[in-house]
N, C-alpha and C. Protein backbone atom coordinates (compact mmCIF):
# COMPACT_ATOMS: atom_id res chain seq x y z
N MET A 1 -17.12 33.25 -67.28
CA MET A 1 -16.83 32.45 -66.11
C MET A 1 -15.31 32.25 -66.02
N GLU A 2 -14.75 32.63 -64.90
CA GLU A 2 -13.31 32.50 -64.76
C GLU A 2 -12.91 31.08 -64.34
N GLN A 3 -11.72 30.72 -64.71
CA GLN A 3 -11.23 29.37 -64.45
C GLN A 3 -10.70 29.26 -63.02
N GLU A 4 -10.90 28.08 -62.44
CA GLU A 4 -10.41 27.85 -61.08
C GLU A 4 -8.90 27.73 -61.06
N THR A 5 -8.29 28.28 -60.02
CA THR A 5 -6.85 28.14 -59.85
C THR A 5 -6.54 26.78 -59.22
N ASN A 6 -5.28 26.41 -59.24
CA ASN A 6 -4.88 25.14 -58.63
C ASN A 6 -5.17 25.15 -57.13
N ARG A 7 -4.97 26.28 -56.48
CA ARG A 7 -5.24 26.38 -55.04
C ARG A 7 -6.73 26.18 -54.76
N GLN A 8 -7.59 26.78 -55.58
CA GLN A 8 -9.03 26.59 -55.41
C GLN A 8 -9.41 25.12 -55.56
N LYS A 9 -8.81 24.47 -56.55
CA LYS A 9 -9.11 23.04 -56.78
C LYS A 9 -8.65 22.18 -55.61
N LYS A 10 -7.48 22.50 -55.07
CA LYS A 10 -6.96 21.73 -53.93
C LYS A 10 -7.84 21.91 -52.70
N ILE A 11 -8.23 23.13 -52.42
CA ILE A 11 -9.10 23.40 -51.26
C ILE A 11 -10.46 22.74 -51.46
N ALA A 12 -11.00 22.82 -52.67
CA ALA A 12 -12.30 22.21 -52.96
C ALA A 12 -12.24 20.69 -52.78
N THR A 13 -11.19 20.08 -53.25
CA THR A 13 -11.02 18.63 -53.10
C THR A 13 -10.88 18.25 -51.63
N LEU A 14 -10.11 19.03 -50.89
CA LEU A 14 -9.92 18.79 -49.46
C LEU A 14 -11.26 18.87 -48.71
N ILE A 15 -12.02 19.91 -48.99
CA ILE A 15 -13.33 20.07 -48.36
C ILE A 15 -14.27 18.94 -48.76
N GLN A 16 -14.24 18.56 -50.03
CA GLN A 16 -15.11 17.50 -50.52
C GLN A 16 -14.84 16.18 -49.80
N HIS A 17 -13.58 15.80 -49.68
CA HIS A 17 -13.24 14.54 -49.00
C HIS A 17 -13.62 14.58 -47.52
N ASP A 18 -13.29 15.68 -46.86
CA ASP A 18 -13.60 15.79 -45.43
C ASP A 18 -15.11 15.83 -45.18
N LEU A 19 -15.84 16.58 -46.00
CA LEU A 19 -17.29 16.66 -45.84
C LEU A 19 -17.94 15.30 -46.07
N THR A 20 -17.47 14.58 -47.06
CA THR A 20 -18.00 13.23 -47.32
C THR A 20 -17.78 12.32 -46.12
N ASP A 21 -16.59 12.35 -45.56
CA ASP A 21 -16.27 11.51 -44.41
C ASP A 21 -17.09 11.90 -43.18
N ILE A 22 -17.23 13.20 -42.94
CA ILE A 22 -17.99 13.67 -41.78
C ILE A 22 -19.46 13.28 -41.89
N ILE A 23 -20.05 13.49 -43.07
CA ILE A 23 -21.47 13.14 -43.25
C ILE A 23 -21.67 11.63 -43.10
N ARG A 24 -20.76 10.85 -43.67
CA ARG A 24 -20.86 9.38 -43.55
C ARG A 24 -20.83 8.95 -42.09
N ARG A 25 -19.91 9.52 -41.31
CA ARG A 25 -19.82 9.17 -39.89
C ARG A 25 -21.04 9.63 -39.11
N GLU A 26 -21.54 10.82 -39.42
CA GLU A 26 -22.73 11.33 -38.72
C GLU A 26 -23.95 10.45 -39.01
N LEU A 27 -24.08 9.97 -40.24
CA LEU A 27 -25.19 9.08 -40.58
C LEU A 27 -25.08 7.76 -39.81
N GLN A 28 -23.86 7.24 -39.72
CA GLN A 28 -23.65 5.99 -38.98
C GLN A 28 -23.97 6.19 -37.49
N ASN A 29 -23.51 7.29 -36.92
CA ASN A 29 -23.75 7.55 -35.50
C ASN A 29 -25.23 7.77 -35.20
N ALA A 30 -25.95 8.35 -36.15
CA ALA A 30 -27.38 8.61 -35.95
C ALA A 30 -28.22 7.37 -36.22
N GLY A 31 -27.60 6.33 -36.76
CA GLY A 31 -28.33 5.09 -37.04
C GLY A 31 -29.20 5.17 -38.28
N GLN A 32 -28.90 6.11 -39.16
CA GLN A 32 -29.66 6.24 -40.40
C GLN A 32 -29.28 5.12 -41.36
N LYS A 33 -30.28 4.39 -41.81
CA LYS A 33 -30.02 3.31 -42.78
C LYS A 33 -30.86 3.58 -44.01
N GLY A 34 -30.34 3.21 -45.16
CA GLY A 34 -31.07 3.36 -46.40
C GLY A 34 -30.94 4.73 -47.04
N ILE A 35 -30.09 5.59 -46.50
CA ILE A 35 -29.87 6.91 -47.08
C ILE A 35 -28.42 6.99 -47.55
N ILE A 36 -28.25 7.37 -48.79
CA ILE A 36 -26.91 7.53 -49.36
C ILE A 36 -26.74 8.99 -49.72
N ILE A 37 -25.68 9.59 -49.20
CA ILE A 37 -25.35 10.99 -49.50
C ILE A 37 -23.95 11.03 -50.07
N SER A 38 -23.81 11.63 -51.24
CA SER A 38 -22.48 11.81 -51.79
C SER A 38 -22.28 13.29 -52.13
N VAL A 39 -21.08 13.76 -51.90
CA VAL A 39 -20.73 15.14 -52.24
C VAL A 39 -20.20 15.10 -53.66
N THR A 40 -21.02 15.58 -54.60
CA THR A 40 -20.66 15.45 -56.01
C THR A 40 -19.67 16.51 -56.46
N LYS A 41 -19.76 17.71 -55.89
CA LYS A 41 -18.87 18.79 -56.33
C LYS A 41 -18.77 19.83 -55.24
N VAL A 42 -17.60 20.43 -55.11
CA VAL A 42 -17.41 21.58 -54.23
C VAL A 42 -16.72 22.65 -55.06
N ARG A 43 -17.27 23.85 -55.01
CA ARG A 43 -16.68 24.99 -55.71
C ARG A 43 -16.32 26.05 -54.67
N VAL A 44 -15.12 26.57 -54.78
CA VAL A 44 -14.64 27.59 -53.86
C VAL A 44 -14.45 28.89 -54.63
N THR A 45 -14.94 30.00 -54.06
CA THR A 45 -14.78 31.28 -54.74
C THR A 45 -13.31 31.69 -54.77
N SER A 46 -12.99 32.63 -55.65
CA SER A 46 -11.59 33.02 -55.84
C SER A 46 -10.98 33.68 -54.60
N ASP A 47 -11.81 34.27 -53.74
CA ASP A 47 -11.28 34.87 -52.51
C ASP A 47 -11.36 33.90 -51.32
N PHE A 48 -11.75 32.66 -51.57
CA PHE A 48 -11.82 31.59 -50.56
C PHE A 48 -12.77 31.92 -49.41
N SER A 49 -13.78 32.73 -49.68
CA SER A 49 -14.73 33.09 -48.63
C SER A 49 -15.96 32.19 -48.61
N ILE A 50 -16.27 31.55 -49.75
CA ILE A 50 -17.46 30.70 -49.85
C ILE A 50 -17.10 29.39 -50.52
N ALA A 51 -17.59 28.30 -49.93
CA ALA A 51 -17.46 26.97 -50.53
C ALA A 51 -18.87 26.43 -50.75
N LYS A 52 -19.21 26.18 -52.02
CA LYS A 52 -20.53 25.65 -52.34
C LYS A 52 -20.40 24.15 -52.55
N ALA A 53 -21.09 23.39 -51.73
CA ALA A 53 -21.04 21.92 -51.81
C ALA A 53 -22.36 21.42 -52.39
N TYR A 54 -22.25 20.58 -53.41
CA TYR A 54 -23.43 19.99 -54.06
C TYR A 54 -23.55 18.54 -53.61
N LEU A 55 -24.70 18.20 -53.02
CA LEU A 55 -24.92 16.88 -52.46
C LEU A 55 -25.96 16.12 -53.27
N SER A 56 -25.65 14.87 -53.55
CA SER A 56 -26.61 13.98 -54.18
C SER A 56 -27.14 13.05 -53.10
N ILE A 57 -28.46 13.05 -52.94
CA ILE A 57 -29.09 12.29 -51.85
C ILE A 57 -30.02 11.24 -52.44
N TYR A 58 -29.83 9.99 -52.01
CA TYR A 58 -30.68 8.90 -52.46
C TYR A 58 -31.30 8.24 -51.25
N PRO A 59 -32.53 7.96 -51.19
CA PRO A 59 -33.57 8.09 -52.22
C PRO A 59 -34.04 9.53 -52.38
N ASN A 60 -34.46 9.86 -53.60
CA ASN A 60 -34.83 11.23 -53.93
C ASN A 60 -36.01 11.75 -53.13
N ASP A 61 -36.93 10.86 -52.73
CA ASP A 61 -38.11 11.33 -52.00
C ASP A 61 -37.77 11.85 -50.60
N GLN A 62 -36.61 11.48 -50.07
CA GLN A 62 -36.19 11.96 -48.75
C GLN A 62 -35.15 13.08 -48.84
N ALA A 63 -34.82 13.49 -50.04
CA ALA A 63 -33.74 14.46 -50.25
C ALA A 63 -34.01 15.78 -49.55
N GLN A 64 -35.22 16.30 -49.66
CA GLN A 64 -35.52 17.60 -49.07
C GLN A 64 -35.43 17.57 -47.55
N ALA A 65 -35.96 16.51 -46.94
CA ALA A 65 -35.92 16.40 -45.47
C ALA A 65 -34.48 16.24 -44.98
N VAL A 66 -33.69 15.44 -45.67
CA VAL A 66 -32.29 15.25 -45.29
C VAL A 66 -31.52 16.55 -45.45
N MET A 67 -31.79 17.28 -46.53
CA MET A 67 -31.10 18.54 -46.76
C MET A 67 -31.45 19.58 -45.69
N GLU A 68 -32.70 19.62 -45.27
CA GLU A 68 -33.09 20.54 -44.20
C GLU A 68 -32.36 20.20 -42.91
N ASP A 69 -32.20 18.91 -42.64
CA ASP A 69 -31.47 18.49 -41.44
C ASP A 69 -30.00 18.88 -41.54
N LEU A 70 -29.40 18.70 -42.72
CA LEU A 70 -28.00 19.08 -42.91
C LEU A 70 -27.83 20.60 -42.79
N GLN A 71 -28.80 21.35 -43.29
CA GLN A 71 -28.72 22.82 -43.18
C GLN A 71 -28.73 23.26 -41.72
N LYS A 72 -29.48 22.55 -40.89
CA LYS A 72 -29.52 22.88 -39.45
C LYS A 72 -28.15 22.64 -38.80
N HIS A 73 -27.42 21.65 -39.30
CA HIS A 73 -26.12 21.29 -38.72
C HIS A 73 -24.94 21.82 -39.55
N ARG A 74 -25.21 22.78 -40.42
CA ARG A 74 -24.19 23.30 -41.33
C ARG A 74 -23.00 23.91 -40.58
N LEU A 75 -23.28 24.66 -39.52
CA LEU A 75 -22.18 25.28 -38.77
C LEU A 75 -21.32 24.23 -38.07
N ASN A 76 -21.94 23.17 -37.58
CA ASN A 76 -21.19 22.08 -36.97
C ASN A 76 -20.32 21.38 -38.02
N LEU A 77 -20.88 21.18 -39.21
CA LEU A 77 -20.10 20.56 -40.30
C LEU A 77 -18.89 21.45 -40.64
N LYS A 78 -19.13 22.75 -40.74
CA LYS A 78 -18.05 23.69 -41.04
C LYS A 78 -16.97 23.63 -39.96
N HIS A 79 -17.38 23.57 -38.71
CA HIS A 79 -16.42 23.51 -37.60
C HIS A 79 -15.58 22.22 -37.67
N GLN A 80 -16.23 21.10 -37.94
CA GLN A 80 -15.50 19.83 -38.03
C GLN A 80 -14.50 19.84 -39.20
N ILE A 81 -14.91 20.41 -40.33
CA ILE A 81 -13.98 20.52 -41.47
C ILE A 81 -12.83 21.44 -41.11
N ALA A 82 -13.12 22.54 -40.43
CA ALA A 82 -12.06 23.49 -40.03
C ALA A 82 -11.06 22.81 -39.09
N GLN A 83 -11.54 21.96 -38.19
CA GLN A 83 -10.64 21.25 -37.28
C GLN A 83 -9.71 20.31 -38.05
N ARG A 84 -10.23 19.68 -39.09
CA ARG A 84 -9.41 18.75 -39.87
C ARG A 84 -8.43 19.47 -40.79
N THR A 85 -8.78 20.66 -41.24
CA THR A 85 -7.96 21.35 -42.24
C THR A 85 -7.21 22.55 -41.68
N LYS A 86 -7.09 22.63 -40.36
CA LYS A 86 -6.49 23.83 -39.77
C LYS A 86 -5.03 24.04 -40.17
N HIS A 87 -4.33 23.00 -40.61
CA HIS A 87 -2.94 23.16 -41.02
C HIS A 87 -2.81 23.48 -42.51
N GLN A 88 -3.89 23.33 -43.27
CA GLN A 88 -3.84 23.61 -44.71
C GLN A 88 -4.47 24.96 -45.07
N MET A 89 -5.38 25.46 -44.22
CA MET A 89 -6.07 26.71 -44.52
C MET A 89 -6.02 27.65 -43.33
N ARG A 90 -5.91 28.94 -43.60
CA ARG A 90 -5.94 29.92 -42.52
C ARG A 90 -7.36 30.11 -42.01
N LYS A 91 -8.28 30.22 -42.96
CA LYS A 91 -9.67 30.49 -42.61
C LYS A 91 -10.56 29.55 -43.41
N MET A 92 -11.51 28.95 -42.72
CA MET A 92 -12.46 28.05 -43.37
C MET A 92 -13.52 28.88 -44.10
N PRO A 93 -13.73 28.60 -45.39
CA PRO A 93 -14.78 29.34 -46.13
C PRO A 93 -16.17 29.05 -45.57
N GLU A 94 -17.08 29.97 -45.81
CA GLU A 94 -18.48 29.75 -45.44
C GLU A 94 -19.00 28.58 -46.26
N LEU A 95 -19.66 27.64 -45.60
CA LEU A 95 -20.12 26.42 -46.26
C LEU A 95 -21.58 26.56 -46.65
N LEU A 96 -21.85 26.45 -47.95
CA LEU A 96 -23.22 26.49 -48.47
C LEU A 96 -23.53 25.12 -49.08
N LEU A 97 -24.70 24.58 -48.74
CA LEU A 97 -25.08 23.25 -49.21
C LEU A 97 -26.23 23.35 -50.20
N PHE A 98 -26.12 22.60 -51.30
CA PHE A 98 -27.14 22.57 -52.33
C PHE A 98 -27.42 21.13 -52.72
N ILE A 99 -28.66 20.87 -53.15
CA ILE A 99 -29.02 19.54 -53.66
C ILE A 99 -28.59 19.46 -55.12
N ASP A 100 -27.87 18.41 -55.44
CA ASP A 100 -27.51 18.12 -56.83
C ASP A 100 -28.53 17.13 -57.37
N ASP A 101 -29.45 17.62 -58.17
CA ASP A 101 -30.52 16.77 -58.67
C ASP A 101 -30.24 16.23 -60.07
N SER A 102 -28.98 16.24 -60.48
CA SER A 102 -28.65 15.80 -61.83
C SER A 102 -28.95 14.31 -62.05
N ILE A 103 -28.80 13.48 -61.03
CA ILE A 103 -29.09 12.05 -61.18
C ILE A 103 -30.58 11.83 -61.41
N ALA A 104 -31.42 12.53 -60.66
CA ALA A 104 -32.87 12.42 -60.86
C ALA A 104 -33.25 12.94 -62.24
N TYR A 105 -32.61 14.01 -62.68
CA TYR A 105 -32.88 14.57 -64.00
C TYR A 105 -32.51 13.58 -65.09
N ILE A 106 -31.36 12.92 -64.94
CA ILE A 106 -30.93 11.91 -65.92
C ILE A 106 -31.88 10.72 -65.93
N GLN A 107 -32.36 10.32 -64.75
CA GLN A 107 -33.34 9.23 -64.68
C GLN A 107 -34.61 9.59 -65.44
N ASN A 108 -35.08 10.82 -65.30
CA ASN A 108 -36.26 11.25 -66.03
C ASN A 108 -36.04 11.21 -67.53
N ILE A 109 -34.86 11.60 -67.97
CA ILE A 109 -34.54 11.56 -69.40
C ILE A 109 -34.49 10.11 -69.88
N GLU A 110 -33.88 9.23 -69.11
CA GLU A 110 -33.81 7.82 -69.49
C GLU A 110 -35.20 7.19 -69.59
N GLU A 111 -36.09 7.53 -68.63
CA GLU A 111 -37.46 7.02 -68.69
C GLU A 111 -38.18 7.54 -69.92
N ALA A 112 -37.91 8.79 -70.28
CA ALA A 112 -38.54 9.35 -71.47
C ALA A 112 -38.04 8.66 -72.73
N ILE A 113 -36.75 8.33 -72.76
CA ILE A 113 -36.19 7.64 -73.93
C ILE A 113 -36.75 6.23 -74.05
N LYS A 114 -36.90 5.56 -72.92
CA LYS A 114 -37.45 4.20 -72.92
C LYS A 114 -38.93 4.19 -73.25
N GLY A 115 -39.58 5.33 -73.17
CA GLY A 115 -40.99 5.40 -73.48
C GLY A 115 -41.90 5.26 -72.29
N GLU A 116 -41.33 5.18 -71.08
CA GLU A 116 -42.15 5.03 -69.88
C GLU A 116 -42.95 6.30 -69.60
N ILE A 117 -42.35 7.43 -69.85
CA ILE A 117 -43.06 8.71 -69.75
C ILE A 117 -42.83 9.46 -71.04
N ASP A 118 -43.73 10.35 -71.37
CA ASP A 118 -43.61 11.09 -72.63
C ASP A 118 -43.67 12.59 -72.34
N PRO A 119 -42.51 13.27 -72.30
CA PRO A 119 -42.51 14.70 -72.00
C PRO A 119 -43.10 15.55 -73.12
N ILE A 120 -43.23 14.97 -74.32
CA ILE A 120 -43.84 15.73 -75.41
C ILE A 120 -45.34 15.85 -75.17
N LYS A 121 -45.96 14.76 -74.72
CA LYS A 121 -47.39 14.80 -74.43
C LYS A 121 -47.68 15.53 -73.11
N ASN A 122 -46.76 15.41 -72.16
CA ASN A 122 -46.93 16.06 -70.86
C ASN A 122 -45.64 16.84 -70.54
N PRO A 123 -45.50 18.09 -71.00
CA PRO A 123 -44.24 18.83 -70.81
C PRO A 123 -43.91 19.18 -69.37
N ASP A 124 -44.85 19.01 -68.44
CA ASP A 124 -44.57 19.32 -67.04
C ASP A 124 -43.70 18.26 -66.37
N LEU A 125 -43.43 17.15 -67.04
CA LEU A 125 -42.64 16.08 -66.43
C LEU A 125 -41.19 16.47 -66.21
N LEU A 126 -40.64 17.30 -67.06
CA LEU A 126 -39.23 17.69 -66.95
C LEU A 126 -39.10 19.19 -66.64
N ASP A 127 -39.95 19.70 -65.74
CA ASP A 127 -39.98 21.12 -65.48
C ASP A 127 -38.87 21.62 -64.56
N LYS A 128 -38.07 20.76 -63.97
CA LYS A 128 -37.04 21.21 -63.02
C LYS A 128 -35.99 22.09 -63.69
N ARG A 129 -35.70 21.86 -64.93
CA ARG A 129 -34.64 22.60 -65.59
C ARG A 129 -35.15 23.77 -66.44
N LYS A 130 -36.43 24.04 -66.41
CA LYS A 130 -36.96 25.16 -67.19
C LYS A 130 -36.45 26.46 -66.60
N LYS A 131 -36.07 27.39 -67.48
CA LYS A 131 -35.66 28.71 -67.03
C LYS A 131 -36.90 29.54 -66.79
N LYS A 132 -36.87 30.29 -65.72
CA LYS A 132 -38.04 31.11 -65.37
C LYS A 132 -37.79 32.55 -65.64
């Protein structure tokens, strides 16, 4: 795995801040209450053609529906980011959105440690991270 350059990190940070602000404003304008979306990480490829944004969505039971809605508006999100960053970038990378389920995974581990669930007795409880 190659290391990110300073330019990649700067572009990723710029996209992360703008995407967070745009999503927050869109949620407010749509009147959505009780949904928290945070952009946990953005990775930009070395040729600046793709930006992968990882979103953490709370509550977890609504994550899939919210992500499907964001996927429908992905091109609009990309356009709004491009408008904000037109003086810093020549071309806006293709925006790909992914669910970051690390918080839910950590919660499952904490519940297992506390004894609320037992993954040893029921190994299907932590199946999200199994390699296939």
